[in-house]
Amino acid sequence: MTRQVRLVFCGTPRFAVPTLEALLAAGHEIPLVVTQPDRPVGRAQEMTAPPVKQTALEAGLAVTQPEKIRNNEEFRARLEAIAPDAIVVVAYGRIIPPWMLALPRLGCINLHASLLPKYRGAAPIQWVVAMGETVTGNTTMLLEEGLDTGPILLQETMTIGPEQTAADLFEVLAEAGAPLMAETLAGLDAGRIPPRRQDDAQATLAPLLDREDGRMDFAARTAAELKNRWRGFQPWPGAFTSLDGKKLIVHRMDAVEAAEDLVAEPGTMRVLDHRPLVACAQNTWLELVEIQLEGKKRLGAAEFLRGMHLAAGARLGG
C-alpha cells in the first residue's frame, strides 16, 4: 500500500492534469495547488483559468496563482507553514527558486517530457519530433537550480510514429507521465529510487519556439527535415512560406520520391499529375497536400491548383 505523502502540486497546462489526478487517486494529501494566473484567451480575450486550476477546484483543492514566486514572502510563508514532504512540478512555467528547492524533505520532483539529458528546455515534445527522433519518453527528476540538470529518478520510453505530430505526442506523454510520477513519489519516499546524475556531455536543448521556427527553408533543409519540423511545430507555429509576396501556410505535406531527372533550384515548384511539388535541399521533393494562401481558405492541393495559375518556374520563399 502506498504511504500517503503531503505535497504541493505546481502545474499549469492540460499536460499536468493527468498527474494531478493520479496523485489524488493514490490518496496523497495535497493542501495546495500552485498554478499561473488566469490569462485572456481567444479572439474575445476572455479571462480563462488554466486547466490545472479547473481540475483542482473541481476536486475541492486550495489554489493559489502568484504572479511571481522568487521573492514572494507571503507565498513562501504559506508553503513553509504547509511543510510539504514533496513539491511536484509538472509544466508549471516558472523557475523554482532556491528556497523552494530546499523546502521539502523529498525535494522538488519534476516530470519532464523527454529522455534527459536530451531535450532540456521548455519545448521538448516539439523539438524531439522536429528533429526526426523515433524514440522519446518521460523522465522524473529532482529539480536543482540548473535548467533540467537535476538527478534522474525514473524514465519510461516510447516510440514516435512516422506521422505522429507533437500535438499527438503531447497527449500520449501526459497520460504516461501520470503513473510514472506516482511510482516515483512512492519509490522516493520508501528509499527505493537512488537519484543518478545526468551526463551533461549528452545534453541537447529544446528552447521555446518562436514564429520564425515555422518558416520553411527549402535551400537548407531536405523534404524529410521540413516534414519533421511541420510535425513538431503543431499546432504552432506550423509551417509557412511565401508565394508571390503572400504568406502560404502548408497544413499538410509529404516527402516524396521524384524522378531522377527532375532537378530544380530549392524553392522551385513543379506540378506533376495535379500534385504541387517543391524542390528542397539535396534534390529532395516535398508534396504540398493542403495549403492556404494569405486571405484565402484552406484547400486541398487539387482545388488550390484549379483556382490559381502558377507561372512556369514559380518559386516559394523569400
Protein backbone atom coordinates (compact mmCIF):
# COMPACT_ATOMS: atom_id res chain seq x y z
CA MET A 1 0.00 0.00 0.00
CA THR A 2 1.34 3.44 -0.94
CA ARG A 3 2.12 5.64 2.05
CA GLN A 4 0.34 8.98 1.99
CA VAL A 5 2.66 11.89 1.21
CA ARG A 6 1.89 15.52 1.94
CA LEU A 7 2.68 17.51 -1.19
CA VAL A 8 2.25 20.79 -3.00
CA PHE A 9 1.47 20.48 -6.71
CA CYS A 10 2.73 23.08 -9.20
CA GLY A 11 1.42 22.91 -12.76
CA THR A 12 -0.48 24.93 -15.33
CA PRO A 13 -1.48 23.41 -18.74
CA ARG A 14 -3.51 20.36 -19.65
CA PHE A 15 -0.30 18.30 -19.79
CA ALA A 16 -0.13 18.46 -15.98
CA VAL A 17 -3.75 17.43 -15.33
CA PRO A 18 -3.34 13.61 -15.57
CA THR A 19 -0.53 13.72 -13.00
CA LEU A 20 -2.58 15.77 -10.55
CA GLU A 21 -5.47 13.34 -10.98
CA ALA A 22 -3.17 10.33 -10.46
CA LEU A 23 -1.72 11.74 -7.24
CA LEU A 24 -5.21 12.40 -5.92
CA ALA A 25 -6.27 8.87 -6.85
CA ALA A 26 -3.24 7.49 -5.00
CA GLY A 27 -4.53 9.13 -1.82
CA HIS A 28 -1.82 11.72 -1.34
CA GLU A 29 -2.61 14.84 0.68
CA ILE A 30 -2.49 17.96 -1.50
CA PRO A 31 -3.17 21.00 0.72
CA LEU A 32 -2.23 23.45 -2.05
CA VAL A 33 -2.08 23.62 -5.86
CA VAL A 34 0.08 26.35 -7.39
CA THR A 35 -0.66 27.47 -10.93
CA GLN A 36 -0.21 30.52 -13.12
CA PRO A 37 -2.74 33.37 -13.13
CA ASP A 38 -5.80 33.32 -15.37
CA ARG A 39 -4.99 34.65 -18.84
CA PRO A 40 -7.02 36.17 -21.72
CA VAL A 41 -7.70 33.54 -24.39
CA GLY A 42 -9.01 33.64 -27.95
CA ARG A 43 -10.20 36.48 -30.12
CA ALA A 44 -12.52 37.71 -27.40
CA GLN A 45 -9.60 37.72 -24.92
CA GLU A 46 -11.84 36.18 -22.28
CA MET A 47 -10.08 35.57 -18.96
CA THR A 48 -9.66 31.80 -18.64
CA ALA A 49 -8.44 29.65 -15.76
CA PRO A 50 -5.59 27.26 -16.58
CA PRO A 51 -6.58 23.58 -16.83
CA VAL A 52 -4.80 22.66 -13.58
CA LYS A 53 -6.80 25.27 -11.68
CA GLN A 54 -10.06 23.98 -13.13
CA THR A 55 -9.20 20.39 -12.15
CA ALA A 56 -8.06 21.40 -8.66
CA LEU A 57 -11.21 23.38 -7.91
CA GLU A 58 -13.39 20.52 -9.12
CA ALA A 59 -11.55 18.29 -6.64
CA GLY A 60 -12.04 20.76 -3.82
CA LEU A 61 -8.37 21.69 -3.52
CA ALA A 62 -6.99 25.05 -2.46
CA VAL A 63 -5.41 27.00 -5.33
CA THR A 64 -3.00 29.92 -5.41
CA GLN A 65 -1.88 31.81 -8.53
CA PRO A 66 1.08 34.05 -7.67
CA GLU A 67 2.38 36.25 -10.48
CA LYS A 68 5.89 35.88 -9.03
CA ILE A 69 7.34 33.35 -6.60
CA ARG A 70 11.07 34.07 -6.15
CA ASN A 71 10.76 36.96 -3.70
CA ASN A 72 7.14 36.48 -2.70
CA GLU A 73 7.28 36.42 1.12
CA GLU A 74 3.57 35.72 1.55
CA PHE A 75 3.78 32.71 -0.78
CA ARG A 76 6.95 31.49 0.94
CA ALA A 77 5.34 31.69 4.39
CA ARG A 78 2.33 29.73 3.16
CA LEU A 79 4.49 26.90 1.79
CA GLU A 80 6.66 26.84 4.91
CA ALA A 81 3.52 26.54 7.05
CA ILE A 82 2.36 23.58 4.97
CA ALA A 83 5.79 21.90 5.35
CA PRO A 84 5.27 19.52 2.40
CA ASP A 85 7.13 16.23 2.11
CA ALA A 86 7.50 16.92 -1.62
CA ILE A 87 6.73 19.58 -4.21
CA VAL A 88 5.64 18.06 -7.52
CA VAL A 89 6.26 20.26 -10.57
CA VAL A 90 4.71 19.50 -13.97
CA ALA A 91 4.86 22.16 -16.68
CA TYR A 92 4.35 24.94 -14.16
CA GLY A 93 6.05 27.57 -16.31
CA ARG A 94 8.06 29.30 -13.57
CA ILE A 95 11.65 28.79 -12.41
CA ILE A 96 11.60 27.25 -8.93
CA PRO A 97 13.70 29.45 -6.58
CA PRO A 98 16.39 28.04 -4.25
CA TRP A 99 14.32 28.49 -1.07
CA MET A 100 11.57 26.36 -2.59
CA LEU A 101 14.01 23.68 -3.81
CA ALA A 102 15.33 23.31 -0.26
CA LEU A 103 11.96 23.21 1.48
CA PRO A 104 10.57 19.63 1.17
CA ARG A 105 12.38 16.63 2.64
CA LEU A 106 11.96 14.61 -0.58
CA GLY A 107 12.81 17.58 -2.80
CA CYS A 108 11.05 19.16 -5.75
CA ILE A 109 10.15 16.37 -8.19
CA ASN A 110 9.65 17.28 -11.84
CA LEU A 111 8.08 15.41 -14.74
CA HIS A 112 9.94 16.28 -17.96
CA ALA A 113 8.67 15.09 -21.35
CA SER A 114 11.96 13.84 -22.81
CA LEU A 115 14.64 11.27 -22.10
CA LEU A 116 17.03 13.54 -20.25
CA PRO A 117 19.71 14.72 -20.72
CA LYS A 118 18.38 15.08 -24.28
CA TYR A 119 16.00 17.94 -24.98
CA ARG A 120 16.39 20.04 -21.88
CA GLY A 121 14.22 23.14 -22.01
CA ALA A 122 10.72 24.45 -22.48
CA ALA A 123 9.65 22.61 -25.67
CA PRO A 124 10.95 19.02 -25.55
CA ILE A 125 7.92 17.44 -27.23
CA GLN A 126 8.04 19.82 -30.18
CA TRP A 127 11.78 19.53 -30.77
CA VAL A 128 12.04 15.76 -30.41
CA VAL A 129 9.56 15.40 -33.27
CA ALA A 130 11.02 18.25 -35.30
CA MET A 131 14.46 16.63 -35.16
CA GLY A 132 13.13 13.37 -36.57
CA GLU A 133 13.67 11.25 -33.46
CA THR A 134 11.90 7.89 -33.38
CA VAL A 135 12.05 7.33 -29.60
CA THR A 136 11.20 9.60 -26.69
CA GLY A 137 9.71 9.28 -23.23
CA ASN A 138 9.23 10.84 -19.82
CA THR A 139 11.76 11.49 -17.06
CA THR A 140 11.11 12.18 -13.40
CA MET A 141 13.92 14.11 -11.77
CA LEU A 142 14.89 16.16 -8.74
CA LEU A 143 14.95 19.85 -9.58
CA GLU A 144 18.04 21.93 -8.93
CA GLU A 145 18.99 25.45 -9.99
CA GLY A 146 20.23 24.46 -13.49
CA LEU A 147 17.88 24.08 -16.47
CA ASP A 148 16.65 20.45 -16.32
CA THR A 149 20.05 19.36 -14.98
CA GLY A 150 18.92 17.61 -11.79
CA PRO A 151 19.38 13.93 -10.90
CA ILE A 152 17.20 11.43 -12.79
CA LEU A 153 14.79 9.27 -10.78
CA LEU A 154 12.79 7.18 -13.28
CA GLN A 155 12.45 7.08 -17.07
CA GLU A 156 9.99 5.45 -19.46
CA THR A 157 10.49 5.24 -23.22
CA MET A 158 8.04 5.13 -26.13
CA THR A 159 8.26 5.16 -29.91
CA ILE A 160 7.27 8.09 -32.11
CA GLY A 161 5.22 7.09 -35.15
CA PRO A 162 6.31 8.43 -38.56
CA GLU A 163 3.12 10.50 -38.90
CA GLN A 164 2.74 11.45 -35.25
CA THR A 165 2.74 15.17 -34.54
CA ALA A 166 3.81 16.99 -31.40
CA ALA A 167 0.12 17.52 -30.59
CA ASP A 168 -0.46 13.76 -30.78
CA LEU A 169 2.59 13.02 -28.65
CA PHE A 170 1.58 15.62 -26.08
CA GLU A 171 -1.49 13.57 -25.19
CA VAL A 172 0.40 10.28 -25.03
CA LEU A 173 3.19 11.63 -22.83
CA ALA A 174 0.78 13.42 -20.50
CA GLU A 175 -1.12 10.19 -19.81
CA ALA A 176 2.04 8.08 -19.48
CA GLY A 177 3.68 10.57 -17.15
CA ALA A 178 0.96 10.37 -14.52
CA PRO A 179 1.62 6.80 -13.27
CA LEU A 180 5.37 7.38 -13.63
CA MET A 181 5.17 10.31 -11.19
CA ALA A 182 3.01 8.30 -8.78
CA GLU A 183 5.55 5.47 -8.89
CA THR A 184 8.41 7.94 -8.42
CA LEU A 185 6.84 9.57 -5.39
CA ALA A 186 6.17 6.23 -3.70
CA GLY A 187 9.63 4.88 -4.51
CA LEU A 188 11.46 8.00 -3.40
CA ASP A 189 9.54 8.10 -0.12
CA ALA A 190 10.40 4.42 0.50
CA GLY A 191 14.08 4.94 -0.36
CA ARG A 192 13.91 2.58 -3.35
CA ILE A 193 15.00 5.05 -6.05
CA PRO A 194 18.61 6.24 -5.96
CA PRO A 195 18.95 9.51 -7.91
CA ARG A 196 21.55 9.38 -10.69
CA ARG A 197 23.43 12.28 -12.16
CA GLN A 198 22.88 13.27 -15.78
CA ASP A 199 25.67 13.05 -18.33
CA ASP A 200 25.96 16.71 -19.32
CA ALA A 201 28.06 15.77 -22.36
CA GLN A 202 24.96 14.13 -23.89
CA ALA A 203 22.68 17.13 -23.31
CA THR A 204 20.72 18.82 -26.09
CA LEU A 205 18.45 21.84 -25.82
CA ALA A 206 14.77 22.34 -26.62
CA PRO A 207 14.22 26.11 -26.41
CA LEU A 208 10.90 27.93 -26.58
CA LEU A 209 9.53 28.13 -30.10
CA ASP A 210 9.04 31.38 -31.92
CA ARG A 211 7.09 32.20 -35.07
CA GLU A 212 10.15 32.08 -37.32
CA ASP A 213 10.76 28.41 -36.46
CA GLY A 214 7.83 27.67 -38.75
CA ARG A 215 9.35 29.38 -41.80
CA MET A 216 10.30 26.79 -44.43
CA ASP A 217 13.90 26.99 -45.67
CA PHE A 218 13.98 24.90 -48.85
CA ALA A 219 17.67 25.55 -49.55
CA ALA A 220 18.90 24.48 -46.12
CA ARG A 221 16.61 21.54 -45.37
CA THR A 222 15.60 18.33 -47.13
CA ALA A 223 11.97 17.40 -47.70
CA ALA A 224 12.11 14.90 -44.82
CA GLU A 225 13.53 17.55 -42.48
CA LEU A 226 10.80 20.03 -43.42
CA LYS A 227 8.12 17.38 -42.89
CA ASN A 228 9.56 16.58 -39.45
CA ARG A 229 9.58 20.24 -38.49
CA TRP A 230 5.95 20.57 -39.59
CA ARG A 231 5.07 17.54 -37.42
CA GLY A 232 6.97 19.01 -34.49
CA PHE A 233 5.56 22.50 -34.74
CA GLN A 234 1.91 21.52 -34.38
CA PRO A 235 -0.27 23.33 -33.53
CA TRP A 236 2.09 26.35 -33.52
CA PRO A 237 3.99 27.84 -35.35
CA GLY A 238 3.18 25.26 -38.05
CA ALA A 239 4.88 25.59 -41.45
CA PHE A 240 4.73 28.54 -43.80
CA THR A 241 6.49 30.17 -46.73
CA SER A 242 5.54 32.79 -49.32
CA LEU A 243 4.22 32.77 -52.88
CA ASP A 244 4.17 35.93 -54.99
CA GLY A 245 4.74 38.00 -51.88
CA LYS A 246 1.84 36.45 -49.94
CA LYS A 247 2.08 34.13 -46.95
CA LEU A 248 1.42 30.49 -47.80
CA ILE A 249 0.58 28.16 -44.91
CA VAL A 250 1.20 24.47 -45.54
CA HIS A 251 -1.27 22.50 -43.44
CA ARG A 252 -0.25 19.06 -44.73
CA MET A 253 2.76 17.84 -46.67
CA ASP A 254 4.68 14.72 -47.65
CA ALA A 255 8.26 13.99 -48.63
CA VAL A 256 8.02 12.15 -51.97
CA GLU A 257 10.24 10.25 -54.37
CA ALA A 258 10.62 12.18 -57.61
CA ALA A 259 12.04 11.10 -60.96
CA GLU A 260 15.85 11.24 -61.05
CA ASP A 261 15.78 13.67 -63.97
CA LEU A 262 13.59 16.12 -62.04
CA VAL A 263 16.13 18.70 -60.88
CA ALA A 264 15.45 22.27 -59.82
CA GLU A 265 16.70 25.01 -57.54
CA PRO A 266 15.34 24.75 -53.97
CA GLY A 267 12.01 26.52 -53.65
CA THR A 268 11.04 25.90 -57.29
CA MET A 269 7.55 24.50 -57.81
CA ARG A 270 6.57 21.79 -60.26
CA VAL A 271 3.12 20.33 -60.91
CA LEU A 272 3.12 16.60 -61.65
CA ASP A 273 -0.13 14.64 -62.03
CA HIS A 274 -2.05 17.57 -60.49
CA ARG A 275 0.23 17.50 -57.44
CA PRO A 276 2.23 20.61 -56.49
CA LEU A 277 5.82 19.70 -55.61
CA VAL A 278 8.56 21.96 -54.33
CA ALA A 279 12.30 21.33 -54.62
CA CYS A 280 14.25 21.10 -51.37
CA ALA A 281 17.88 20.61 -50.37
CA GLN A 282 19.85 17.63 -51.71
CA ASN A 283 17.45 17.28 -54.67
CA THR A 284 14.57 16.09 -52.48
CA TRP A 285 10.95 16.97 -53.16
CA LEU A 286 8.06 17.93 -50.95
CA GLU A 287 4.43 17.50 -51.96
CA LEU A 288 2.10 20.23 -50.73
CA VAL A 289 -1.07 18.34 -49.80
CA GLU A 290 -3.17 21.02 -48.11
CA ILE A 291 -2.36 24.71 -48.33
CA GLN A 292 -3.76 28.14 -47.58
CA LEU A 293 -2.77 31.34 -49.32
CA GLU A 294 -2.98 34.55 -47.32
CA GLY A 295 -6.55 35.86 -47.35
CA LYS A 296 -7.94 32.61 -48.77
CA LYS A 297 -9.47 29.50 -47.29
CA ARG A 298 -7.66 26.23 -46.61
CA LEU A 299 -7.68 24.00 -49.70
CA GLY A 300 -6.59 20.60 -50.89
CA ALA A 301 -3.83 20.75 -53.49
CA ALA A 302 -6.03 19.89 -56.50
CA GLU A 303 -8.59 22.57 -55.63
CA PHE A 304 -5.83 25.09 -54.98
CA LEU A 305 -4.33 24.44 -58.43
CA ARG A 306 -7.71 24.78 -60.14
CA GLY A 307 -8.16 28.25 -58.70
CA MET A 308 -4.67 29.60 -59.32
CA HIS A 309 -2.41 29.82 -62.34
CA LEU A 310 1.19 29.05 -61.39
CA ALA A 311 3.76 30.63 -63.68
CA ALA A 312 6.46 28.38 -65.08
CA GLY A 313 9.32 28.22 -62.59
CA ALA A 314 7.26 29.67 -59.74
CA ARG A 315 9.30 29.93 -56.56
CA LEU A 316 8.38 29.69 -52.89
CA GLY A 317 10.19 31.63 -50.21
CA GLY A 318 12.00 34.91 -49.97
